[in-house]
Amino acid sequence: LGVGTAGLFLHGLFVAPAIRASGAITLPDVIRKLVGPLAEKWAALIIA
C-alpha cells in the first residue's frame, strides 16, 4: 500500500487533470483519442 500512496499522489497531481479534460470515459478510450482504434482494441483486450 505504500507504493500505492505514491502512485495515487502522482495520478492526482499529473494524470487526473489531463485525462479528465480529454472527454474519454474509459482508459482505452483515452488511448483511442491519442493513438488510434487499433491501440484501443489492444488495451481493451489486455484489461478485459
ModelCIF file with pLDDT and N, C-alpha, C, O atoms, coordinates in Angstrom:
data_MODEL
#
_entry.id   MODEL 
#
_entity.id                         1 
_entity.type                       polymer 
_entity.pdbx_number_of_molecules   1 
#
_entity_poly.entity_id                      1 
_entity_poly.type                           'polypeptide(L)' 
_entity_poly.nstd_linkage                   no 
_entity_poly.nstd_monomer                   no 
_entity_poly.pdbx_seq_one_letter_code       LGVGTAGLFLHGLFVAPAIRASGAITLPDVIRKLVGPLAEKWAALIIA 
_entity_poly.pdbx_seq_one_letter_code_can   LGVGTAGLFLHGLFVAPAIRASGAITLPDVIRKLVGPLAEKWAALIIA 
_entity_poly.pdbx_strand_id                 A 
#
loop_
_entity_poly_seq.entity_id 
_entity_poly_seq.num 
_entity_poly_seq.mon_id 
_entity_poly_seq.hetero 
1 1  LEU n 
1 2  GLY n 
1 3  VAL n 
1 4  GLY n 
1 5  THR n 
1 6  ALA n 
1 7  GLY n 
1 8  LEU n 
1 9  PHE n 
1 10 LEU n 
1 11 HIS n 
1 12 GLY n 
1 13 LEU n 
1 14 PHE n 
1 15 VAL n 
1 16 ALA n 
1 17 PRO n 
1 18 ALA n 
1 19 ILE n 
1 20 ARG n 
1 21 ALA n 
1 22 SER n 
1 23 GLY n 
1 24 ALA n 
1 25 ILE n 
1 26 THR n 
1 27 LEU n 
1 28 PRO n 
1 29 ASP n 
1 30 VAL n 
1 31 ILE n 
1 32 ARG n 
1 33 LYS n 
1 34 LEU n 
1 35 VAL n 
1 36 GLY n 
1 37 PRO n 
1 38 LEU n 
1 39 ALA n 
1 40 GLU n 
1 41 LYS n 
1 42 TRP n 
1 43 ALA n 
1 44 ALA n 
1 45 LEU n 
1 46 ILE n 
1 47 ILE n 
1 48 ALA n 
#
_struct_asym.id          A 
_struct_asym.entity_id   1 
#
loop_
_ma_qa_metric.id 
_ma_qa_metric.mode 
_ma_qa_metric.name 
_ma_qa_metric.software_group_id 
_ma_qa_metric.type 
1 global pLDDT . pLDDT 
2 local  pLDDT . pLDDT 
#
_ma_qa_metric_global.metric_id      1 
_ma_qa_metric_global.metric_value   94.71 
_ma_qa_metric_global.model_id       1 
_ma_qa_metric_global.ordinal_id     1 
#
loop_
_ma_qa_metric_local.label_asym_id 
_ma_qa_metric_local.label_comp_id 
_ma_qa_metric_local.label_seq_id 
_ma_qa_metric_local.metric_id 
_ma_qa_metric_local.metric_value 
_ma_qa_metric_local.model_id 
_ma_qa_metric_local.ordinal_id 
A LEU 1  2 94.00 1 1  
A GLY 2  2 94.00 1 2  
A VAL 3  2 95.00 1 3  
A GLY 4  2 94.00 1 4  
A THR 5  2 96.00 1 5  
A ALA 6  2 95.00 1 6  
A GLY 7  2 96.00 1 7  
A LEU 8  2 96.00 1 8  
A PHE 9  2 96.00 1 9  
A LEU 10 2 96.00 1 10 
A HIS 11 2 97.00 1 11 
A GLY 12 2 96.00 1 12 
A LEU 13 2 96.00 1 13 
A PHE 14 2 96.00 1 14 
A VAL 15 2 96.00 1 15 
A ALA 16 2 96.00 1 16 
A PRO 17 2 95.00 1 17 
A ALA 18 2 94.00 1 18 
A ILE 19 2 96.00 1 19 
A ARG 20 2 95.00 1 20 
A ALA 21 2 92.00 1 21 
A SER 22 2 92.00 1 22 
A GLY 23 2 92.00 1 23 
A ALA 24 2 95.00 1 24 
A ILE 25 2 95.00 1 25 
A THR 26 2 96.00 1 26 
A LEU 27 2 95.00 1 27 
A PRO 28 2 96.00 1 28 
A ASP 29 2 96.00 1 29 
A VAL 30 2 97.00 1 30 
A ILE 31 2 96.00 1 31 
A ARG 32 2 96.00 1 32 
A LYS 33 2 95.00 1 33 
A LEU 34 2 96.00 1 34 
A VAL 35 2 97.00 1 35 
A GLY 36 2 96.00 1 36 
A PRO 37 2 96.00 1 37 
A LEU 38 2 96.00 1 38 
A ALA 39 2 96.00 1 39 
A GLU 40 2 96.00 1 40 
A LYS 41 2 96.00 1 41 
A TRP 42 2 94.00 1 42 
A ALA 43 2 94.00 1 43 
A ALA 44 2 94.00 1 44 
A LEU 45 2 91.00 1 45 
A ILE 46 2 88.00 1 46 
A ILE 47 2 88.00 1 47 
A ALA 48 2 86.00 1 48 
#
loop_
_atom_site.group_PDB 
_atom_site.id 
_atom_site.type_symbol 
_atom_site.label_atom_id 
_atom_site.label_alt_id 
_atom_site.label_comp_id 
_atom_site.label_asym_id 
_atom_site.label_entity_id 
_atom_site.label_seq_id 
_atom_site.pdbx_PDB_ins_code 
_atom_site.Cartn_x 
_atom_site.Cartn_y 
_atom_site.Cartn_z 
_atom_site.occupancy 
_atom_site.B_iso_or_equiv 
_atom_site.pdbx_formal_charge 
_atom_site.auth_seq_id 
_atom_site.auth_comp_id 
_atom_site.auth_asym_id 
_atom_site.auth_atom_id 
_atom_site.pdbx_PDB_model_num 
ATOM 1   N N  . LEU A 1 1  ? 0.826   -1.220 0.000   1.00 94.00 ? 1  LEU A N  1 
ATOM 2   C CA . LEU A 1 1  ? 0.000   0.000  0.000   1.00 94.00 ? 1  LEU A CA 1 
ATOM 3   C C  . LEU A 1 1  ? 0.852   1.258  0.000   1.00 94.00 ? 1  LEU A C  1 
ATOM 4   O O  . LEU A 1 1  ? 0.405   2.312  -0.453  1.00 94.00 ? 1  LEU A O  1 
ATOM 5   N N  . GLY A 1 2  ? 2.081   1.156  0.506   1.00 94.00 ? 2  GLY A N  1 
ATOM 6   C CA . GLY A 1 2  ? 2.957   2.327  0.497   1.00 94.00 ? 2  GLY A CA 1 
ATOM 7   C C  . GLY A 1 2  ? 3.236   2.812  -0.907  1.00 94.00 ? 2  GLY A C  1 
ATOM 8   O O  . GLY A 1 2  ? 3.214   4.016  -1.163  1.00 94.00 ? 2  GLY A O  1 
ATOM 9   N N  . VAL A 1 3  ? 3.504   1.880  -1.834  1.00 95.00 ? 3  VAL A N  1 
ATOM 10  C CA . VAL A 1 3  ? 3.736   2.300  -3.219  1.00 95.00 ? 3  VAL A CA 1 
ATOM 11  C C  . VAL A 1 3  ? 2.430   2.814  -3.840  1.00 95.00 ? 3  VAL A C  1 
ATOM 12  O O  . VAL A 1 3  ? 2.448   3.639  -4.754  1.00 95.00 ? 3  VAL A O  1 
ATOM 13  N N  . GLY A 1 4  ? 1.296   2.312  -3.327  1.00 94.00 ? 4  GLY A N  1 
ATOM 14  C CA . GLY A 1 4  ? 0.005   2.810  -3.802  1.00 94.00 ? 4  GLY A CA 1 
ATOM 15  C C  . GLY A 1 4  ? -0.204  4.264  -3.432  1.00 94.00 ? 4  GLY A C  1 
ATOM 16  O O  . GLY A 1 4  ? -0.762  5.034  -4.214  1.00 94.00 ? 4  GLY A O  1 
ATOM 17  N N  . THR A 1 5  ? 0.245   4.647  -2.236  1.00 96.00 ? 5  THR A N  1 
ATOM 18  C CA . THR A 1 5  ? 0.146   6.043  -1.814  1.00 96.00 ? 5  THR A CA 1 
ATOM 19  C C  . THR A 1 5  ? 0.905   6.943  -2.779  1.00 96.00 ? 5  THR A C  1 
ATOM 20  O O  . THR A 1 5  ? 0.386   7.966  -3.226  1.00 96.00 ? 5  THR A O  1 
ATOM 21  N N  . ALA A 1 6  ? 2.144   6.551  -3.099  1.00 95.00 ? 6  ALA A N  1 
ATOM 22  C CA . ALA A 1 6  ? 2.954   7.342  -4.026  1.00 95.00 ? 6  ALA A CA 1 
ATOM 23  C C  . ALA A 1 6  ? 2.306   7.398  -5.408  1.00 95.00 ? 6  ALA A C  1 
ATOM 24  O O  . ALA A 1 6  ? 2.222   8.461  -6.023  1.00 95.00 ? 6  ALA A O  1 
ATOM 25  N N  . GLY A 1 7  ? 1.848   6.237  -5.887  1.00 96.00 ? 7  GLY A N  1 
ATOM 26  C CA . GLY A 1 7  ? 1.239   6.189  -7.208  1.00 96.00 ? 7  GLY A CA 1 
ATOM 27  C C  . GLY A 1 7  ? -0.030  7.012  -7.313  1.00 96.00 ? 7  GLY A C  1 
ATOM 28  O O  . GLY A 1 7  ? -0.266  7.669  -8.327  1.00 96.00 ? 7  GLY A O  1 
ATOM 29  N N  . LEU A 1 8  ? -0.854  6.981  -6.266  1.00 96.00 ? 8  LEU A N  1 
ATOM 30  C CA . LEU A 1 8  ? -2.108  7.728  -6.308  1.00 96.00 ? 8  LEU A CA 1 
ATOM 31  C C  . LEU A 1 8  ? -1.861  9.234  -6.250  1.00 96.00 ? 8  LEU A C  1 
ATOM 32  O O  . LEU A 1 8  ? -2.575  10.008 -6.887  1.00 96.00 ? 8  LEU A O  1 
ATOM 33  N N  . PHE A 1 9  ? -0.847  9.648  -5.482  1.00 96.00 ? 9  PHE A N  1 
ATOM 34  C CA . PHE A 1 9  ? -0.468  11.062 -5.489  1.00 96.00 ? 9  PHE A CA 1 
ATOM 35  C C  . PHE A 1 9  ? -0.069  11.502 -6.900  1.00 96.00 ? 9  PHE A C  1 
ATOM 36  O O  . PHE A 1 9  ? -0.485  12.562 -7.368  1.00 96.00 ? 9  PHE A O  1 
ATOM 37  N N  . LEU A 1 10 ? 0.737   10.683 -7.569  1.00 96.00 ? 10 LEU A N  1 
ATOM 38  C CA . LEU A 1 10 ? 1.164   11.019 -8.932  1.00 96.00 ? 10 LEU A CA 1 
ATOM 39  C C  . LEU A 1 10 ? -0.029  11.077 -9.885  1.00 96.00 ? 10 LEU A C  1 
ATOM 40  O O  . LEU A 1 10 ? -0.106  11.946 -10.753 1.00 96.00 ? 10 LEU A O  1 
ATOM 41  N N  . HIS A 1 11 ? -0.956  10.139 -9.707  1.00 97.00 ? 11 HIS A N  1 
ATOM 42  C CA . HIS A 1 11 ? -2.160  10.163 -10.547 1.00 97.00 ? 11 HIS A CA 1 
ATOM 43  C C  . HIS A 1 11 ? -2.920  11.473 -10.345 1.00 97.00 ? 11 HIS A C  1 
ATOM 44  O O  . HIS A 1 11 ? -3.311  12.124 -11.314 1.00 97.00 ? 11 HIS A O  1 
ATOM 45  N N  . GLY A 1 12 ? -3.126  11.857 -9.087  1.00 96.00 ? 12 GLY A N  1 
ATOM 46  C CA . GLY A 1 12 ? -3.878  13.066 -8.811  1.00 96.00 ? 12 GLY A CA 1 
ATOM 47  C C  . GLY A 1 12 ? -3.194  14.325 -9.310  1.00 96.00 ? 12 GLY A C  1 
ATOM 48  O O  . GLY A 1 12 ? -3.845  15.218 -9.852  1.00 96.00 ? 12 GLY A O  1 
ATOM 49  N N  . LEU A 1 13 ? -1.887  14.397 -9.128  1.00 96.00 ? 13 LEU A N  1 
ATOM 50  C CA . LEU A 1 13 ? -1.161  15.622 -9.472  1.00 96.00 ? 13 LEU A CA 1 
ATOM 51  C C  . LEU A 1 13 ? -0.923  15.768 -10.968 1.00 96.00 ? 13 LEU A C  1 
ATOM 52  O O  . LEU A 1 13 ? -1.024  16.871 -11.506 1.00 96.00 ? 13 LEU A O  1 
ATOM 53  N N  . PHE A 1 14 ? -0.605  14.652 -11.654 1.00 96.00 ? 14 PHE A N  1 
ATOM 54  C CA . PHE A 1 14 ? -0.106  14.775 -13.017 1.00 96.00 ? 14 PHE A CA 1 
ATOM 55  C C  . PHE A 1 14 ? -0.920  14.057 -14.090 1.00 96.00 ? 14 PHE A C  1 
ATOM 56  O O  . PHE A 1 14 ? -0.726  14.311 -15.279 1.00 96.00 ? 14 PHE A O  1 
ATOM 57  N N  . VAL A 1 15 ? -1.828  13.164 -13.693 1.00 96.00 ? 15 VAL A N  1 
ATOM 58  C CA . VAL A 1 15 ? -2.575  12.404 -14.699 1.00 96.00 ? 15 VAL A CA 1 
ATOM 59  C C  . VAL A 1 15 ? -4.048  12.778 -14.724 1.00 96.00 ? 15 VAL A C  1 
ATOM 60  O O  . VAL A 1 15 ? -4.618  12.982 -15.796 1.00 96.00 ? 15 VAL A O  1 
ATOM 61  N N  . ALA A 1 16 ? -4.673  12.870 -13.547 1.00 96.00 ? 16 ALA A N  1 
ATOM 62  C CA . ALA A 1 16 ? -6.121  13.087 -13.469 1.00 96.00 ? 16 ALA A CA 1 
ATOM 63  C C  . ALA A 1 16 ? -6.596  14.310 -14.252 1.00 96.00 ? 16 ALA A C  1 
ATOM 64  O O  . ALA A 1 16 ? -7.536  14.182 -15.037 1.00 96.00 ? 16 ALA A O  1 
ATOM 65  N N  . PRO A 1 17 ? -5.990  15.499 -14.075 1.00 95.00 ? 17 PRO A N  1 
ATOM 66  C CA . PRO A 1 17 ? -6.490  16.657 -14.829 1.00 95.00 ? 17 PRO A CA 1 
ATOM 67  C C  . PRO A 1 17 ? -6.380  16.478 -16.341 1.00 95.00 ? 17 PRO A C  1 
ATOM 68  O O  . PRO A 1 17 ? -7.253  16.918 -17.090 1.00 95.00 ? 17 PRO A O  1 
ATOM 69  N N  . ALA A 1 18 ? -5.298  15.829 -16.786 1.00 94.00 ? 18 ALA A N  1 
ATOM 70  C CA . ALA A 1 18 ? -5.091  15.660 -18.231 1.00 94.00 ? 18 ALA A CA 1 
ATOM 71  C C  . ALA A 1 18 ? -6.141  14.742 -18.835 1.00 94.00 ? 18 ALA A C  1 
ATOM 72  O O  . ALA A 1 18 ? -6.710  15.064 -19.877 1.00 94.00 ? 18 ALA A O  1 
ATOM 73  N N  . ILE A 1 19 ? -6.410  13.601 -18.200 1.00 96.00 ? 19 ILE A N  1 
ATOM 74  C CA . ILE A 1 19 ? -7.362  12.660 -18.795 1.00 96.00 ? 19 ILE A CA 1 
ATOM 75  C C  . ILE A 1 19 ? -8.802  13.129 -18.605 1.00 96.00 ? 19 ILE A C  1 
ATOM 76  O O  . ILE A 1 19 ? -9.662  12.815 -19.428 1.00 96.00 ? 19 ILE A O  1 
ATOM 77  N N  . ARG A 1 20 ? -9.082  13.884 -17.523 1.00 95.00 ? 20 ARG A N  1 
ATOM 78  C CA . ARG A 1 20 ? -10.449 14.378 -17.305 1.00 95.00 ? 20 ARG A CA 1 
ATOM 79  C C  . ARG A 1 20 ? -10.833 15.362 -18.392 1.00 95.00 ? 20 ARG A C  1 
ATOM 80  O O  . ARG A 1 20 ? -12.002 15.461 -18.764 1.00 95.00 ? 20 ARG A O  1 
ATOM 81  N N  . ALA A 1 21 ? -9.847  16.092 -18.902 1.00 92.00 ? 21 ALA A N  1 
ATOM 82  C CA . ALA A 1 21 ? -10.125 17.081 -19.947 1.00 92.00 ? 21 ALA A CA 1 
ATOM 83  C C  . ALA A 1 21 ? -10.241 16.455 -21.333 1.00 92.00 ? 21 ALA A C  1 
ATOM 84  O O  . ALA A 1 21 ? -10.602 17.138 -22.292 1.00 92.00 ? 21 ALA A O  1 
ATOM 85  N N  . SER A 1 22 ? -9.936  15.155 -21.447 1.00 92.00 ? 22 SER A N  1 
ATOM 86  C CA . SER A 1 22 ? -9.925  14.504 -22.760 1.00 92.00 ? 22 SER A CA 1 
ATOM 87  C C  . SER A 1 22 ? -11.320 14.179 -23.282 1.00 92.00 ? 22 SER A C  1 
ATOM 88  O O  . SER A 1 22 ? -11.501 13.991 -24.485 1.00 92.00 ? 22 SER A O  1 
ATOM 89  N N  . GLY A 1 23 ? -12.307 14.110 -22.390 1.00 92.00 ? 23 GLY A N  1 
ATOM 90  C CA . GLY A 1 23 ? -13.651 13.735 -22.803 1.00 92.00 ? 23 GLY A CA 1 
ATOM 91  C C  . GLY A 1 23 ? -13.855 12.236 -22.913 1.00 92.00 ? 23 GLY A C  1 
ATOM 92  O O  . GLY A 1 23 ? -14.925 11.790 -23.326 1.00 92.00 ? 23 GLY A O  1 
ATOM 93  N N  . ALA A 1 24 ? -12.845 11.446 -22.548 1.00 95.00 ? 24 ALA A N  1 
ATOM 94  C CA . ALA A 1 24 ? -12.947 9.994  -22.611 1.00 95.00 ? 24 ALA A CA 1 
ATOM 95  C C  . ALA A 1 24 ? -13.757 9.465  -21.428 1.00 95.00 ? 24 ALA A C  1 
ATOM 96  O O  . ALA A 1 24 ? -13.985 10.183 -20.454 1.00 95.00 ? 24 ALA A O  1 
ATOM 97  N N  . ILE A 1 25 ? -14.189 8.204  -21.518 1.00 95.00 ? 25 ILE A N  1 
ATOM 98  C CA . ILE A 1 25 ? -14.948 7.609  -20.410 1.00 95.00 ? 25 ILE A CA 1 
ATOM 99  C C  . ILE A 1 25 ? -14.343 6.285  -19.940 1.00 95.00 ? 25 ILE A C  1 
ATOM 100 O O  . ILE A 1 25 ? -14.794 5.722  -18.943 1.00 95.00 ? 25 ILE A O  1 
ATOM 101 N N  . THR A 1 26 ? -13.325 5.785  -20.646 1.00 96.00 ? 26 THR A N  1 
ATOM 102 C CA . THR A 1 26 ? -12.598 4.589  -20.210 1.00 96.00 ? 26 THR A CA 1 
ATOM 103 C C  . THR A 1 26 ? -11.123 4.792  -20.513 1.00 96.00 ? 26 THR A C  1 
ATOM 104 O O  . THR A 1 26 ? -10.751 5.700  -21.255 1.00 96.00 ? 26 THR A O  1 
ATOM 105 N N  . LEU A 1 27 ? -10.285 3.938  -19.933 1.00 95.00 ? 27 LEU A N  1 
ATOM 106 C CA . LEU A 1 27 ? -8.851  4.036  -20.209 1.00 95.00 ? 27 LEU A CA 1 
ATOM 107 C C  . LEU A 1 27 ? -8.539  3.766  -21.684 1.00 95.00 ? 27 LEU A C  1 
ATOM 108 O O  . LEU A 1 27 ? -7.803  4.549  -22.285 1.00 95.00 ? 27 LEU A O  1 
ATOM 109 N N  . PRO A 1 28 ? -9.059  2.704  -22.292 1.00 96.00 ? 28 PRO A N  1 
ATOM 110 C CA . PRO A 1 28 ? -8.786  2.513  -23.721 1.00 96.00 ? 28 PRO A CA 1 
ATOM 111 C C  . PRO A 1 28 ? -9.345  3.639  -24.592 1.00 96.00 ? 28 PRO A C  1 
ATOM 112 O O  . PRO A 1 28 ? -8.819  3.903  -25.673 1.00 96.00 ? 28 PRO A O  1 
ATOM 113 N N  . ASP A 1 29 ? -10.403 4.300  -24.133 1.00 96.00 ? 29 ASP A N  1 
ATOM 114 C CA . ASP A 1 29 ? -10.952 5.439  -24.869 1.00 96.00 ? 29 ASP A CA 1 
ATOM 115 C C  . ASP A 1 29 ? -9.936  6.572  -24.935 1.00 96.00 ? 29 ASP A C  1 
ATOM 116 O O  . ASP A 1 29 ? -9.845  7.263  -25.949 1.00 96.00 ? 29 ASP A O  1 
ATOM 117 N N  . VAL A 1 30 ? -9.175  6.770  -23.866 1.00 97.00 ? 30 VAL A N  1 
ATOM 118 C CA . VAL A 1 30 ? -8.087  7.756  -23.877 1.00 97.00 ? 30 VAL A CA 1 
ATOM 119 C C  . VAL A 1 30 ? -7.057  7.372  -24.939 1.00 97.00 ? 30 VAL A C  1 
ATOM 120 O O  . VAL A 1 30 ? -6.594  8.220  -25.702 1.00 97.00 ? 30 VAL A O  1 
ATOM 121 N N  . ILE A 1 31 ? -6.704  6.083  -24.979 1.00 96.00 ? 31 ILE A N  1 
ATOM 122 C CA . ILE A 1 31 ? -5.718  5.614  -25.950 1.00 96.00 ? 31 ILE A CA 1 
ATOM 123 C C  . ILE A 1 31 ? -6.225  5.804  -27.377 1.00 96.00 ? 31 ILE A C  1 
ATOM 124 O O  . ILE A 1 31 ? -5.455  6.161  -28.269 1.00 96.00 ? 31 ILE A O  1 
ATOM 125 N N  . ARG A 1 32 ? -7.502  5.570  -27.591 1.00 96.00 ? 32 ARG A N  1 
ATOM 126 C CA . ARG A 1 32 ? -8.074  5.788  -28.937 1.00 96.00 ? 32 ARG A CA 1 
ATOM 127 C C  . ARG A 1 32 ? -7.896  7.229  -29.383 1.00 96.00 ? 32 ARG A C  1 
ATOM 128 O O  . ARG A 1 32 ? -7.540  7.488  -30.533 1.00 96.00 ? 32 ARG A O  1 
ATOM 129 N N  . LYS A 1 33 ? -8.141  8.157  -28.487 1.00 95.00 ? 33 LYS A N  1 
ATOM 130 C CA . LYS A 1 33 ? -8.040  9.573  -28.825 1.00 95.00 ? 33 LYS A CA 1 
ATOM 131 C C  . LYS A 1 33 ? -6.605  9.992  -29.105 1.00 95.00 ? 33 LYS A C  1 
ATOM 132 O O  . LYS A 1 33 ? -6.372  10.899 -29.903 1.00 95.00 ? 33 LYS A O  1 
ATOM 133 N N  . LEU A 1 34 ? -5.637  9.340  -28.456 1.00 96.00 ? 34 LEU A N  1 
ATOM 134 C CA . LEU A 1 34 ? -4.237  9.757  -28.590 1.00 96.00 ? 34 LEU A CA 1 
ATOM 135 C C  . LEU A 1 34 ? -3.441  8.926  -29.583 1.00 96.00 ? 34 LEU A C  1 
ATOM 136 O O  . LEU A 1 34 ? -2.445  9.397  -30.133 1.00 96.00 ? 34 LEU A O  1 
ATOM 137 N N  . VAL A 1 35 ? -3.880  7.678  -29.816 1.00 97.00 ? 35 VAL A N  1 
ATOM 138 C CA . VAL A 1 35 ? -3.106  6.784  -30.682 1.00 97.00 ? 35 VAL A CA 1 
ATOM 139 C C  . VAL A 1 35 ? -3.944  6.276  -31.853 1.00 97.00 ? 35 VAL A C  1 
ATOM 140 O O  . VAL A 1 35 ? -3.514  6.358  -33.004 1.00 97.00 ? 35 VAL A O  1 
ATOM 141 N N  . GLY A 1 36 ? -5.143  5.750  -31.565 1.00 96.00 ? 36 GLY A N  1 
ATOM 142 C CA . GLY A 1 36 ? -5.968  5.244  -32.649 1.00 96.00 ? 36 GLY A CA 1 
ATOM 143 C C  . GLY A 1 36 ? -6.760  4.018  -32.231 1.00 96.00 ? 36 GLY A C  1 
ATOM 144 O O  . GLY A 1 36 ? -6.579  3.507  -31.125 1.00 96.00 ? 36 GLY A O  1 
ATOM 145 N N  . PRO A 1 37 ? -7.645  3.538  -33.116 1.00 96.00 ? 37 PRO A N  1 
ATOM 146 C CA . PRO A 1 37 ? -8.561  2.449  -32.759 1.00 96.00 ? 37 PRO A CA 1 
ATOM 147 C C  . PRO A 1 37 ? -7.879  1.097  -32.541 1.00 96.00 ? 37 PRO A C  1 
ATOM 148 O O  . PRO A 1 37 ? -8.319  0.330  -31.685 1.00 96.00 ? 37 PRO A O  1 
ATOM 149 N N  . LEU A 1 38 ? -6.825  0.784  -33.284 1.00 96.00 ? 38 LEU A N  1 
ATOM 150 C CA . LEU A 1 38 ? -6.155  -0.495 -33.067 1.00 96.00 ? 38 LEU A CA 1 
ATOM 151 C C  . LEU A 1 38 ? -5.516  -0.561 -31.681 1.00 96.00 ? 38 LEU A C  1 
ATOM 152 O O  . LEU A 1 38 ? -5.571  -1.594 -31.014 1.00 96.00 ? 38 LEU A O  1 
ATOM 153 N N  . ALA A 1 39 ? -4.911  0.542  -31.255 1.00 96.00 ? 39 ALA A N  1 
ATOM 154 C CA . ALA A 1 39 ? -4.324  0.597  -29.920 1.00 96.00 ? 39 ALA A CA 1 
ATOM 155 C C  . ALA A 1 39 ? -5.403  0.472  -28.856 1.00 96.00 ? 39 ALA A C  1 
ATOM 156 O O  . ALA A 1 39 ? -5.186  -0.144 -27.812 1.00 96.00 ? 39 ALA A O  1 
ATOM 157 N N  . GLU A 1 40 ? -6.571  1.059  -29.122 1.00 96.00 ? 40 GLU A N  1 
ATOM 158 C CA . GLU A 1 40 ? -7.693  0.938  -28.194 1.00 96.00 ? 40 GLU A CA 1 
ATOM 159 C C  . GLU A 1 40 ? -8.101  -0.521 -28.023 1.00 96.00 ? 40 GLU A C  1 
ATOM 160 O O  . GLU A 1 40 ? -8.352  -0.969 -26.904 1.00 96.00 ? 40 GLU A O  1 
ATOM 161 N N  . LYS A 1 41 ? -8.167  -1.261 -29.122 1.00 96.00 ? 41 LYS A N  1 
ATOM 162 C CA . LYS A 1 41 ? -8.557  -2.679 -29.054 1.00 96.00 ? 41 LYS A CA 1 
ATOM 163 C C  . LYS A 1 41 ? -7.534  -3.483 -28.251 1.00 96.00 ? 41 LYS A C  1 
ATOM 164 O O  . LYS A 1 41 ? -7.898  -4.343 -27.449 1.00 96.00 ? 41 LYS A O  1 
ATOM 165 N N  . TRP A 1 42 ? -6.259  -3.196 -28.475 1.00 94.00 ? 42 TRP A N  1 
ATOM 166 C CA . TRP A 1 42 ? -5.210  -3.902 -27.758 1.00 94.00 ? 42 TRP A CA 1 
ATOM 167 C C  . TRP A 1 42 ? -5.351  -3.688 -26.253 1.00 94.00 ? 42 TRP A C  1 
ATOM 168 O O  . TRP A 1 42 ? -5.334  -4.641 -25.474 1.00 94.00 ? 42 TRP A O  1 
ATOM 169 N N  . ALA A 1 43 ? -5.488  -2.430 -25.860 1.00 94.00 ? 43 ALA A N  1 
ATOM 170 C CA . ALA A 1 43 ? -5.615  -2.119 -24.436 1.00 94.00 ? 43 ALA A CA 1 
ATOM 171 C C  . ALA A 1 43 ? -6.870  -2.757 -23.849 1.00 94.00 ? 43 ALA A C  1 
ATOM 172 O O  . ALA A 1 43 ? -6.848  -3.270 -22.730 1.00 94.00 ? 43 ALA A O  1 
ATOM 173 N N  . ALA A 1 44 ? -7.959  -2.722 -24.605 1.00 94.00 ? 44 ALA A N  1 
ATOM 174 C CA . ALA A 1 44 ? -9.213  -3.298 -24.113 1.00 94.00 ? 44 ALA A CA 1 
ATOM 175 C C  . ALA A 1 44 ? -9.086  -4.799 -23.906 1.00 94.00 ? 44 ALA A C  1 
ATOM 176 O O  . ALA A 1 44 ? -9.611  -5.337 -22.931 1.00 94.00 ? 44 ALA A O  1 
ATOM 177 N N  . LEU A 1 45 ? -8.394  -5.482 -24.813 1.00 91.00 ? 45 LEU A N  1 
ATOM 178 C CA . LEU A 1 45 ? -8.216  -6.923 -24.694 1.00 91.00 ? 45 LEU A CA 1 
ATOM 179 C C  . LEU A 1 45 ? -7.404  -7.279 -23.447 1.00 91.00 ? 45 LEU A C  1 
ATOM 180 O O  . LEU A 1 45 ? -7.774  -8.181 -22.695 1.00 91.00 ? 45 LEU A O  1 
ATOM 181 N N  . ILE A 1 46 ? -6.301  -6.569 -23.233 1.00 88.00 ? 46 ILE A N  1 
ATOM 182 C CA . ILE A 1 46 ? -5.451  -6.835 -22.071 1.00 88.00 ? 46 ILE A CA 1 
ATOM 183 C C  . ILE A 1 46 ? -6.211  -6.574 -20.770 1.00 88.00 ? 46 ILE A C  1 
ATOM 184 O O  . ILE A 1 46 ? -6.146  -7.374 -19.836 1.00 88.00 ? 46 ILE A O  1 
ATOM 185 N N  . ILE A 1 47 ? -6.925  -5.460 -20.713 1.00 88.00 ? 47 ILE A N  1 
ATOM 186 C CA . ILE A 1 47 ? -7.639  -5.108 -19.486 1.00 88.00 ? 47 ILE A CA 1 
ATOM 187 C C  . ILE A 1 47 ? -8.773  -6.095 -19.222 1.00 88.00 ? 47 ILE A C  1 
ATOM 188 O O  . ILE A 1 47 ? -8.998  -6.498 -18.081 1.00 88.00 ? 47 ILE A O  1 
ATOM 189 N N  . ALA A 1 48 ? -9.480  -6.479 -20.270 1.00 86.00 ? 48 ALA A N  1 
ATOM 190 C CA . ALA A 1 48 ? -10.580 -7.433 -20.085 1.00 86.00 ? 48 ALA A CA 1 
ATOM 191 C C  . ALA A 1 48 ? -10.074 -8.728 -19.457 1.00 86.00 ? 48 ALA A C  1 
ATOM 192 O O  . ALA A 1 48 ? -10.857 -9.650 -19.225 1.00 86.00 ? 48 ALA A O  1 
#
